[in-house]
Structures are given as structure tokens and as C-alpha cells.
């Protein structure tokens, strides 16, 4: 049997893993790609795809549908692969047109639109977190006057903490809207009440409307930019807290209409109980997918690609999580922020492998010559360190120590002076 998977957006190594899985399972798996120009530089296997179709960023849905139908006419598509946020609406539209399975367009729209997600959770009785869509500073200030300061201003869509800020006073409204606009969401933004409490992310997997929480991660964010600085899994929670978060996330996934695949849901544990920050129809970033495998034995990427190819994977995930003989360990990661300005000259302390413990892995993200402008979003971080240990405290401490041992040498231009 031959499977032809039409992949939307960047797939990183997943299409290659799908083709290799097909060989191992005695099936031929071919892949085609529909993507945007920016995705090409993220593909290492362009020549291995049967075809790659690149569309303009402003291409209409009708154009995506027409090209997908043309591919289907000459090489029937049997599966749809949509693994990250990019091009997910187009994937949903094509799947619906071709009668294939992927997330429904309504679910994609609600999950990707932060205000629409809040409305759905409120309408279904899952939670009520105050939010609104704003178009100008007056709207933003009016919301804050009703619900109080601080409040959180975000682009309507997006990820990686792009364009997010905390509004503490009316004078910051214009700047907050401008920051949200730079993330590509236009002149409109969403504003939400500021939720107080420890932050967590929940990695879950769904199949035919059933949901299993794979692990809960404690996450730490910069208090100003809200960019994530570290994670530790499993989170150090008691049984009651764990159950409350799991119930709330499962109820949220059901309300949003999620039927299959991995999800990454960010949660704050407030005095009123768990509250959703946002959710995504994919695995978490920040190395979380690899940390999940090492901490739980569940490979979310492998499970996803097998599910796309028609296999049932939830029973195996449940069995792995429930295996009493499974080795358990705690995983942690910590990131280095960026100076407010300057050009990166060099990173020192990264070559100290001889003194770094074996259970700690270091990765430098920024190259010399990078222009630094502070911690703007997840992509402005300079390095990460991963560690594993018996406890959350030990793993987190080891990762932070590796980052603290680094020094970033930067060059800053001299201040300009005026002659008088």
C-alpha cells in the first residue's frame, strides 16, 4: 500500500521520519509539500519530497484549494500532515475539500484566535477569563478601567511570546498596541485580565476525541516580556493539583473540539483554580518534545506521525505511562536572555565540557554578529542548557548553573555627542 502525505508548512524532520517509518512497516510513504517561501530554508529534505509547491503569503484559500486538487488529480493524496502552526488553516480547508482527516477548520480558527478561544471556553462553562478585542488605546484603557491593572496585551494570533506585554498604567497603552502590531496581527489586539499564580504547560495526546495528559511541566517566565526562561518536568505538584490541571485541560480540549494529535496547553494555577493561557495543536517548543520522551518514554512526534498514517496510538501511550517498570526521571531546561543592546562578539564558557556534568547538555543559539535587543520573544534567547536528575530542584539547579557559567561579550557603539 502506498500512502501519499500532503504536508503543509514546515515539517522539520517529520516527513523524513514518516518515509522511514513506512519502510520499516512495509509500506511506501511519499510526501508532497505546500508551504510559504520562508519555509524553504527550514527544509533539509527538499529533494526527497515528490513535489514542493511554494505559495505567496497572500495567496487566497481558493488558490491553495486549486493547487491541492491539482496534486490530488495526478497523485491521489491519502493523508494530510500539519505539524506546526504554519499553514494550519490551509491544511484544514484542503482536508475538508478532499474528504481527509485533520483538525476541523472551526477548531483551527478557535484555537489560533486567542479571543475566540476565550469566548468558546466561557460559552461552554469551562472558565470565564475577562478579555476583549481592542483597536486603539482608548479601548485598551477602558478595559483596564473595568477589570483593573495590570492586564496582558497580545496579538490576536501568534506564539513564542511575540508582541506580548503587560499594561500597568494608561500611559503604556500606545506602546503595548504597537508591540502587538509588530507581531503581524495588524491594528487589532486582544487584552486579558492578568492571571496570578505559578505557570505550567500540559502536553497531551488525543485520539478519536479521547484525551490523555502525558505530562505537566512547571514553567518560568520573564516578568516583563513573559518570555519563557525555563521548564522542569514533571512539575512538582501534589496529587490534588495534578488532577485539577488535568481535568481543566481535558475539559478545554473537549470544548475547543480537539479530536486527535498532540496539544500544548499553557496554564496558570490561580486561587480560583487552573486557567488557560492558550493552547496549540502541536507539541511544545523549547525542546519540550525531546524532554517528554526522556522523562516519560512517550515519543510525541513518533506517535503523531503514526497517527497521521492511520495507526491507533493512544493505547500504547497509556501503556507506556502506566508501566510500573518504566524508568522515571526529571528533565529541566534553562535559557539565557539577551542584553538590551549591542552586537554579539563571542560566547565564553561554552567549551567547558571537561567540568560540565555528564547529565547536562548545553546548546548555543546565537552566533557572533547577532544584533541584540533584549528579551523580545523566544527567538531572542541566546543559549539553553538541559539537565536530568532525580528531583526537580536538582535538575533545574544543574541547568541554571550551566547557563550562569556562560559570558556573552558584546560590542556597543559609543554614544553620539553634539558639538556646541
Protein backbone atom coordinates (compact mmCIF):
# COMPACT_ATOMS: atom_id res chain seq x y z
CA UNK A 1 0.00 0.00 0.00
CA UNK A 2 1.24 3.49 -0.85
CA UNK A 3 0.49 6.49 1.34
CA UNK A 4 0.84 9.96 -0.15
CA UNK A 5 1.01 12.58 2.61
CA UNK A 6 0.45 16.22 1.68
CA UNK A 7 2.42 18.22 4.26
CA UNK A 8 1.55 21.85 4.99
CA UNK A 9 4.17 24.34 6.14
CA UNK A 10 7.45 23.37 7.70
CA UNK A 11 7.68 19.79 8.89
CA UNK A 12 11.33 19.76 10.01
CA UNK A 13 12.34 16.09 10.24
CA UNK A 14 8.82 14.66 10.49
CA UNK A 15 8.31 13.93 6.76
CA UNK A 16 11.64 12.08 6.65
CA UNK A 17 10.63 10.09 9.73
CA UNK A 18 7.31 9.25 8.07
CA UNK A 19 9.03 7.94 4.96
CA UNK A 20 11.44 5.89 7.10
CA UNK A 21 8.57 4.56 9.21
CA UNK A 22 6.83 3.42 6.03
CA UNK A 23 9.89 1.43 5.00
CA UNK A 24 10.02 -0.26 8.41
CA UNK A 25 6.30 -1.04 8.32
CA UNK A 26 6.40 -2.46 4.80
CA UNK A 27 4.53 0.49 3.30
CA UNK A 28 5.66 3.05 0.80
CA UNK A 29 5.19 6.59 2.08
CA UNK A 30 5.69 9.56 -0.24
CA UNK A 31 5.40 13.20 0.72
CA UNK A 32 4.49 16.41 -1.07
CA UNK A 33 4.66 19.87 0.50
CA UNK A 34 2.64 23.06 0.21
CA UNK A 35 4.34 25.92 2.00
CA UNK A 36 5.40 29.57 2.08
CA UNK A 37 8.77 30.89 0.80
CA UNK A 38 10.11 31.32 4.34
CA UNK A 39 9.75 27.60 4.98
CA UNK A 40 12.20 26.52 2.30
CA UNK A 41 15.27 27.38 4.34
CA UNK A 42 13.98 25.12 7.12
CA UNK A 43 13.77 22.05 4.86
CA UNK A 44 16.74 19.71 4.69
CA UNK A 45 14.99 17.11 2.53
CA UNK A 46 13.57 19.15 -0.36
CA UNK A 47 14.88 16.67 -2.93
CA UNK A 48 13.22 13.76 -1.12
CA UNK A 49 9.70 15.13 -1.50
CA UNK A 50 7.76 14.16 -4.60
CA UNK A 51 6.97 17.83 -5.11
CA UNK A 52 7.18 21.14 -3.26
CA UNK A 53 4.66 23.87 -4.02
CA UNK A 54 5.51 27.34 -2.72
CA UNK A 55 2.73 29.92 -2.46
CA UNK A 56 2.82 33.63 -1.79
CA UNK A 57 1.99 34.71 1.78
CA UNK A 58 -1.11 36.49 0.45
CA UNK A 59 -2.34 33.54 -1.64
CA UNK A 60 -6.08 33.03 -1.20
CA UNK A 61 -7.68 29.91 0.21
CA UNK A 62 -9.10 29.26 -3.26
CA UNK A 63 -5.56 29.12 -4.67
CA UNK A 64 -4.45 26.65 -2.01
CA UNK A 65 -7.50 24.51 -2.76
CA UNK A 66 -6.97 24.64 -6.51
CA UNK A 67 -3.32 23.58 -6.30
CA UNK A 68 -4.10 20.84 -3.78
CA UNK A 69 -6.82 19.47 -6.07
CA UNK A 70 -4.36 19.54 -8.97
CA UNK A 71 -1.85 17.48 -6.97
CA UNK A 72 -4.62 15.10 -5.90
CA UNK A 73 -5.70 14.64 -9.52
CA UNK A 74 -2.31 13.36 -10.65
CA UNK A 75 -1.16 11.70 -7.41
CA UNK A 76 -4.05 10.94 -5.05
CA UNK A 77 -3.45 12.31 -1.55
CA UNK A 78 -4.27 9.80 1.18
CA UNK A 79 -3.21 11.76 4.29
CA UNK A 80 -2.80 15.36 5.44
CA UNK A 81 0.25 16.32 7.53
CA UNK A 82 0.02 19.56 9.54
CA UNK A 83 2.57 19.51 12.32
CA UNK A 84 3.11 23.12 13.38
CA UNK A 85 1.14 26.37 13.41
CA UNK A 86 2.25 27.47 9.95
CA UNK A 87 -0.34 26.88 7.20
CA UNK A 88 -2.68 25.04 9.55
CA UNK A 89 -5.84 26.86 8.34
CA UNK A 90 -4.97 25.96 4.74
CA UNK A 91 -4.39 22.34 5.73
CA UNK A 92 -7.80 22.19 7.41
CA UNK A 93 -9.52 23.68 4.36
CA UNK A 94 -7.81 21.26 1.94
CA UNK A 95 -8.54 18.24 4.15
CA UNK A 96 -12.21 19.18 4.27
CA UNK A 97 -12.32 19.61 0.49
CA UNK A 98 -10.61 16.27 -0.18
CA UNK A 99 -12.54 14.36 2.49
CA UNK A 100 -9.41 13.59 4.56
CA UNK A 101 -8.74 13.79 8.29
CA UNK A 102 -7.06 16.65 10.07
CA UNK A 103 -8.28 19.27 12.54
CA UNK A 104 -11.59 20.81 11.51
CA UNK A 105 -11.42 24.40 10.21
CA UNK A 106 -13.59 25.62 13.10
CA UNK A 107 -11.26 24.09 15.68
CA UNK A 108 -8.19 25.58 13.99
CA UNK A 109 -9.81 29.03 13.87
CA UNK A 110 -10.85 28.98 17.53
CA UNK A 111 -7.52 27.69 18.80
CA UNK A 112 -5.43 30.14 16.78
CA UNK A 113 -7.56 33.19 17.65
CA UNK A 114 -6.89 33.94 21.31
CA UNK A 115 -10.11 35.90 21.83
CA UNK A 116 -12.22 33.26 20.06
CA UNK A 117 -10.68 30.62 22.35
CA UNK A 118 -11.64 32.66 25.42
CA UNK A 119 -15.21 33.04 24.16
CA UNK A 120 -15.59 29.30 23.49
CA UNK A 121 -14.29 28.38 26.96
CA UNK A 122 -16.73 30.85 28.52
CA UNK A 123 -19.68 29.71 26.40
CA UNK A 124 -19.10 26.07 27.36
CA UNK A 125 -18.72 26.85 31.05
CA UNK A 126 -15.09 25.73 31.28
CA UNK A 127 -13.80 29.06 32.59
CA UNK A 128 -14.50 32.78 32.42
CA UNK A 129 -11.40 34.92 31.96
CA UNK A 130 -12.13 38.54 31.10
CA UNK A 131 -10.87 39.52 27.63
CA UNK A 132 -11.70 41.80 24.72
CA UNK A 133 -10.57 42.77 21.24
CA UNK A 134 -9.20 46.31 21.12
CA UNK A 135 -8.32 48.55 18.18
CA UNK A 136 -6.97 51.66 19.89
CA UNK A 137 -5.56 52.97 23.14
CA UNK A 138 -8.97 54.20 24.30
CA UNK A 139 -10.41 50.67 24.04
CA UNK A 140 -7.46 49.28 25.93
CA UNK A 141 -7.68 51.82 28.74
CA UNK A 142 -11.44 51.30 29.01
CA UNK A 143 -10.90 47.56 29.51
CA UNK A 144 -8.28 48.18 32.19
CA UNK A 145 -10.58 50.66 33.95
CA UNK A 146 -13.28 47.96 34.13
CA UNK A 147 -11.12 44.97 35.03
CA UNK A 148 -8.11 46.56 36.72
CA UNK A 149 -4.38 46.87 36.18
CA UNK A 150 -2.20 45.10 35.29
CA UNK A 151 -3.61 43.40 32.20
CA UNK A 152 -2.00 41.45 29.35
CA UNK A 153 -1.96 42.71 25.76
CA UNK A 154 -1.35 40.18 22.96
CA UNK A 155 -1.64 39.84 19.19
CA UNK A 156 -4.87 38.07 18.25
CA UNK A 157 -2.80 35.19 16.86
CA UNK A 158 0.78 34.05 17.32
CA UNK A 159 3.19 32.19 19.55
CA UNK A 160 6.66 32.40 21.13
CA UNK A 161 5.58 35.43 23.23
CA UNK A 162 5.85 37.71 20.20
CA UNK A 163 4.19 41.06 20.75
CA UNK A 164 3.08 40.33 24.33
CA UNK A 165 3.32 42.96 27.07
CA UNK A 166 1.88 43.80 30.47
CA UNK A 167 -0.04 47.05 30.82
CA UNK A 168 0.45 48.70 34.24
CA UNK A 169 -0.87 52.19 33.52
CA UNK A 170 -2.72 54.15 30.81
CA UNK A 171 0.48 55.79 29.57
CA UNK A 172 1.70 52.38 28.31
CA UNK A 173 -1.34 51.69 26.11
CA UNK A 174 0.02 53.04 22.80
CA UNK A 175 3.32 51.18 23.21
CA UNK A 176 1.53 47.93 24.08
CA UNK A 177 -0.62 48.15 20.95
CA UNK A 178 2.41 48.96 18.83
CA UNK A 179 4.27 45.95 20.23
CA UNK A 180 1.30 43.68 19.50
CA UNK A 181 1.12 45.08 15.95
CA UNK A 182 4.75 44.27 15.23
CA UNK A 183 3.88 40.57 15.57
CA UNK A 184 1.90 40.74 12.34
CA UNK A 185 -1.62 40.92 13.78
CA UNK A 186 -2.48 44.31 12.30
CA UNK A 187 -4.07 47.10 14.30
CA UNK A 188 -6.26 44.84 16.45
CA UNK A 189 -5.08 43.10 19.61
CA UNK A 190 -6.59 41.20 22.49
CA UNK A 191 -6.42 42.25 26.13
CA UNK A 192 -6.95 39.89 29.05
CA UNK A 193 -7.12 40.09 32.79
CA UNK A 194 -3.78 39.40 34.45
CA UNK A 195 -3.82 35.90 35.96
CA UNK A 196 -1.72 35.38 39.06
CA UNK A 197 -0.14 32.08 40.04
CA UNK A 198 2.52 29.55 39.06
CA UNK A 199 2.68 28.68 35.35
CA UNK A 200 2.51 25.24 33.80
CA UNK A 201 2.28 23.66 30.37
CA UNK A 202 0.45 20.45 29.65
CA UNK A 203 1.47 18.01 26.93
CA UNK A 204 -1.50 15.86 25.93
CA UNK A 205 -2.42 13.50 23.12
CA UNK A 206 -5.86 12.93 21.64
CA UNK A 207 -7.40 10.21 19.51
CA UNK A 208 -10.99 9.98 18.32
CA UNK A 209 -11.99 12.60 20.90
CA UNK A 210 -10.31 10.84 23.84
CA UNK A 211 -7.56 12.78 25.63
CA UNK A 212 -4.58 11.65 27.71
CA UNK A 213 -2.34 14.04 29.64
CA UNK A 214 1.22 12.83 29.07
CA UNK A 215 2.99 15.19 31.47
CA UNK A 216 2.70 18.56 33.21
CA UNK A 217 5.64 20.96 33.13
CA UNK A 218 6.40 23.81 35.51
CA UNK A 219 7.48 26.83 33.51
CA UNK A 220 9.21 30.06 34.48
CA UNK A 221 8.78 33.30 32.53
CA UNK A 222 10.42 36.70 32.47
CA UNK A 223 8.14 39.02 34.48
CA UNK A 224 8.38 41.86 31.93
CA UNK A 225 8.28 40.25 28.48
CA UNK A 226 6.60 36.98 29.61
CA UNK A 227 9.15 35.09 27.50
CA UNK A 228 9.77 31.63 28.93
CA UNK A 229 13.12 31.19 30.67
CA UNK A 230 12.92 27.63 31.93
CA UNK A 231 10.92 24.41 32.30
CA UNK A 232 11.04 21.40 34.58
CA UNK A 233 9.06 18.17 34.10
CA UNK A 234 7.27 16.56 35.66
CA UNK A 235 6.12 19.59 37.61
CA UNK A 236 6.46 19.32 41.39
CA UNK A 237 2.73 19.16 42.13
CA UNK A 238 0.67 17.26 44.67
CA UNK A 239 -1.99 14.78 43.56
CA UNK A 240 -4.86 17.25 44.00
CA UNK A 241 -3.17 19.97 41.94
CA UNK A 242 -2.26 17.49 39.22
CA UNK A 243 -5.83 16.20 39.00
CA UNK A 244 -7.25 19.73 38.86
CA UNK A 245 -4.98 20.75 35.99
CA UNK A 246 -5.62 17.54 34.07
CA UNK A 247 -9.42 17.88 34.42
CA UNK A 248 -9.33 21.51 33.31
CA UNK A 249 -7.16 20.86 30.25
CA UNK A 250 -9.24 17.88 29.12
CA UNK A 251 -12.43 19.96 29.51
CA UNK A 252 -10.82 22.73 27.47
CA UNK A 253 -9.76 20.38 24.66
CA UNK A 254 -13.28 18.98 24.50
CA UNK A 255 -14.79 22.48 24.40
CA UNK A 256 -12.44 23.51 21.58
CA UNK A 257 -13.30 20.44 19.52
CA UNK A 258 -9.85 18.84 19.51
CA UNK A 259 -10.16 15.27 18.25
CA UNK A 260 -6.64 13.96 17.72
CA UNK A 261 -2.91 14.67 17.79
CA UNK A 262 -0.62 16.33 20.31
CA UNK A 263 -1.55 19.54 22.11
CA UNK A 264 0.48 22.01 24.14
CA UNK A 265 -1.64 23.94 26.65
CA UNK A 266 -0.32 26.69 28.91
CA UNK A 267 -1.99 27.07 32.29
CA UNK A 268 -1.81 29.30 35.35
CA UNK A 269 -2.84 27.76 38.68
CA UNK A 270 -4.73 30.68 40.26
CA UNK A 271 -6.55 30.90 43.59
CA UNK A 272 -9.75 30.17 41.60
CA UNK A 273 -8.18 27.04 40.11
CA UNK A 274 -6.47 26.39 36.76
CA UNK A 275 -6.95 28.95 33.99
CA UNK A 276 -5.88 28.58 30.36
CA UNK A 277 -3.34 31.00 28.89
CA UNK A 278 -3.50 29.46 25.40
CA UNK A 279 -3.30 26.13 23.64
CA UNK A 280 -1.71 24.85 20.43
CA UNK A 281 -2.45 21.92 18.12
CA UNK A 282 1.15 20.69 18.25
CA UNK A 283 3.90 19.66 20.61
CA UNK A 284 5.51 22.33 22.76
CA UNK A 285 8.66 24.11 21.63
CA UNK A 286 11.76 24.81 23.74
CA UNK A 287 12.97 21.18 23.40
CA UNK A 288 9.86 20.04 25.28
CA UNK A 289 9.10 17.25 22.80
CA UNK A 290 12.51 15.69 23.49
CA UNK A 291 12.18 16.26 27.22
CA UNK A 292 8.82 14.45 27.17
CA UNK A 293 10.42 11.41 25.53
CA UNK A 294 13.26 11.32 28.07
CA UNK A 295 11.00 11.90 31.08
CA UNK A 296 8.03 9.69 30.19
CA UNK A 297 9.10 7.32 27.41
CA UNK A 298 6.37 8.69 25.12
CA UNK A 299 7.65 9.98 21.78
CA UNK A 300 5.01 12.56 20.82
CA UNK A 301 6.43 13.09 17.33
CA UNK A 302 6.52 9.37 16.55
CA UNK A 303 3.00 8.99 17.93
CA UNK A 304 1.78 11.87 15.77
CA UNK A 305 3.28 10.64 12.51
CA UNK A 306 1.98 7.12 13.11
CA UNK A 307 -1.47 8.51 13.81
CA UNK A 308 -1.38 10.55 10.60
CA UNK A 309 -0.59 7.33 8.75
CA UNK A 310 -3.74 5.73 10.16
CA UNK A 311 -2.47 3.88 13.24
CA UNK A 312 -4.15 3.92 16.66
CA UNK A 313 -1.55 5.13 19.18
CA UNK A 314 -3.40 6.10 22.36
CA UNK A 315 -3.46 2.55 23.84
CA UNK A 316 0.34 2.38 23.53
CA UNK A 317 0.73 5.83 25.10
CA UNK A 318 -1.45 4.78 28.04
CA UNK A 319 0.52 1.55 28.43
CA UNK A 320 3.85 3.39 28.47
CA UNK A 321 2.67 5.90 31.07
CA UNK A 322 1.22 3.13 33.23
CA UNK A 323 4.22 0.78 33.02
CA UNK A 324 5.43 0.22 36.61
CA UNK A 325 8.88 -0.82 35.37
CA UNK A 326 9.41 2.34 33.33
CA UNK A 327 12.43 4.35 34.44
CA UNK A 328 11.35 7.79 35.63
CA UNK A 329 13.49 10.88 35.73
CA UNK A 330 13.10 14.64 35.91
CA UNK A 331 14.09 16.87 32.99
CA UNK A 332 14.84 20.60 33.11
CA UNK A 333 15.88 23.31 30.69
CA UNK A 334 17.03 26.89 31.29
CA UNK A 335 17.63 29.71 28.78
CA UNK A 336 20.00 32.65 28.62
CA UNK A 337 18.38 36.01 27.96
CA UNK A 338 19.87 38.75 25.80
CA UNK A 339 21.38 42.13 26.71
CA UNK A 340 19.27 45.18 25.88
CA UNK A 341 21.55 46.25 23.03
CA UNK A 342 24.77 45.50 21.23
CA UNK A 343 26.34 43.11 18.75
CA UNK A 344 27.34 39.66 19.97
CA UNK A 345 31.12 39.22 19.66
CA UNK A 346 31.72 35.88 21.36
CA UNK A 347 30.39 33.41 23.89
CA UNK A 348 32.78 32.21 26.57
CA UNK A 349 32.30 29.28 28.91
CA UNK A 350 30.61 27.11 26.30
CA UNK A 351 33.63 24.85 25.81
CA UNK A 352 33.87 23.75 29.44
CA UNK A 353 32.83 20.17 28.66
CA UNK A 354 35.56 18.81 30.91
CA UNK A 355 33.96 20.35 34.01
CA UNK A 356 30.30 20.18 32.98
CA UNK A 357 28.48 17.15 34.43
CA UNK A 358 27.55 14.39 32.00
CA UNK A 359 23.85 14.84 32.72
CA UNK A 360 23.94 18.45 31.46
CA UNK A 361 23.74 19.38 27.76
CA UNK A 362 24.48 22.90 26.50
CA UNK A 363 23.43 24.46 23.20
CA UNK A 364 24.33 27.95 21.95
CA UNK A 365 21.56 29.56 19.89
CA UNK A 366 23.14 32.87 18.82
CA UNK A 367 26.13 33.30 16.52
CA UNK A 368 28.70 36.12 16.65
CA UNK A 369 27.41 39.12 14.76
CA UNK A 370 23.85 38.76 16.05
CA UNK A 371 22.21 42.09 16.87
CA UNK A 372 20.78 42.05 20.37
CA UNK A 373 17.75 43.98 21.57
CA UNK A 374 16.82 42.40 24.87
CA UNK A 375 14.39 39.57 25.56
CA UNK A 376 11.78 40.35 22.89
CA UNK A 377 10.46 36.83 22.27
CA UNK A 378 11.51 33.19 22.40
CA UNK A 379 13.82 33.64 19.41
CA UNK A 380 15.91 36.32 21.14
CA UNK A 381 17.29 33.90 23.73
CA UNK A 382 21.00 33.13 23.38
CA UNK A 383 21.52 29.60 24.75
CA UNK A 384 19.89 26.75 26.58
CA UNK A 385 21.07 24.05 28.97
CA UNK A 386 19.25 20.77 29.60
CA UNK A 387 19.76 18.55 32.62
CA UNK A 388 18.18 15.49 34.18
CA UNK A 389 18.21 14.42 37.81
CA UNK A 390 16.20 12.60 40.44
CA UNK A 391 14.32 15.71 41.59
CA UNK A 392 13.01 18.90 40.02
CA UNK A 393 15.20 21.04 42.25
CA UNK A 394 18.38 19.19 41.27
CA UNK A 395 17.62 19.20 37.55
CA UNK A 396 16.70 22.88 37.50
CA UNK A 397 19.76 23.86 39.53
CA UNK A 398 22.10 21.96 37.17
CA UNK A 399 20.61 23.61 34.07
CA UNK A 400 20.81 27.09 35.62
CA UNK A 401 24.41 26.57 36.71
CA UNK A 402 25.40 25.72 33.13
CA UNK A 403 23.80 28.94 31.87
CA UNK A 404 25.30 31.02 34.69
CA UNK A 405 28.77 29.80 33.64
CA UNK A 406 28.41 31.49 30.24
CA UNK A 407 29.57 35.01 29.41
CA UNK A 408 28.37 36.94 26.37
CA UNK A 409 30.81 39.51 25.04
CA UNK A 410 29.01 42.29 23.16
CA UNK A 411 30.03 45.44 21.33
CA UNK A 412 28.02 48.62 21.87
CA UNK A 413 28.50 51.73 19.74
CA UNK A 414 29.76 54.84 21.50
CA UNK A 415 27.14 57.41 22.37
CA UNK A 416 26.87 60.22 19.83
CA UNK A 417 27.62 63.69 21.11
CA UNK A 418 26.73 67.05 19.64
CA UNK A 419 29.31 69.79 19.23
CA UNK A 420 28.44 73.16 20.74
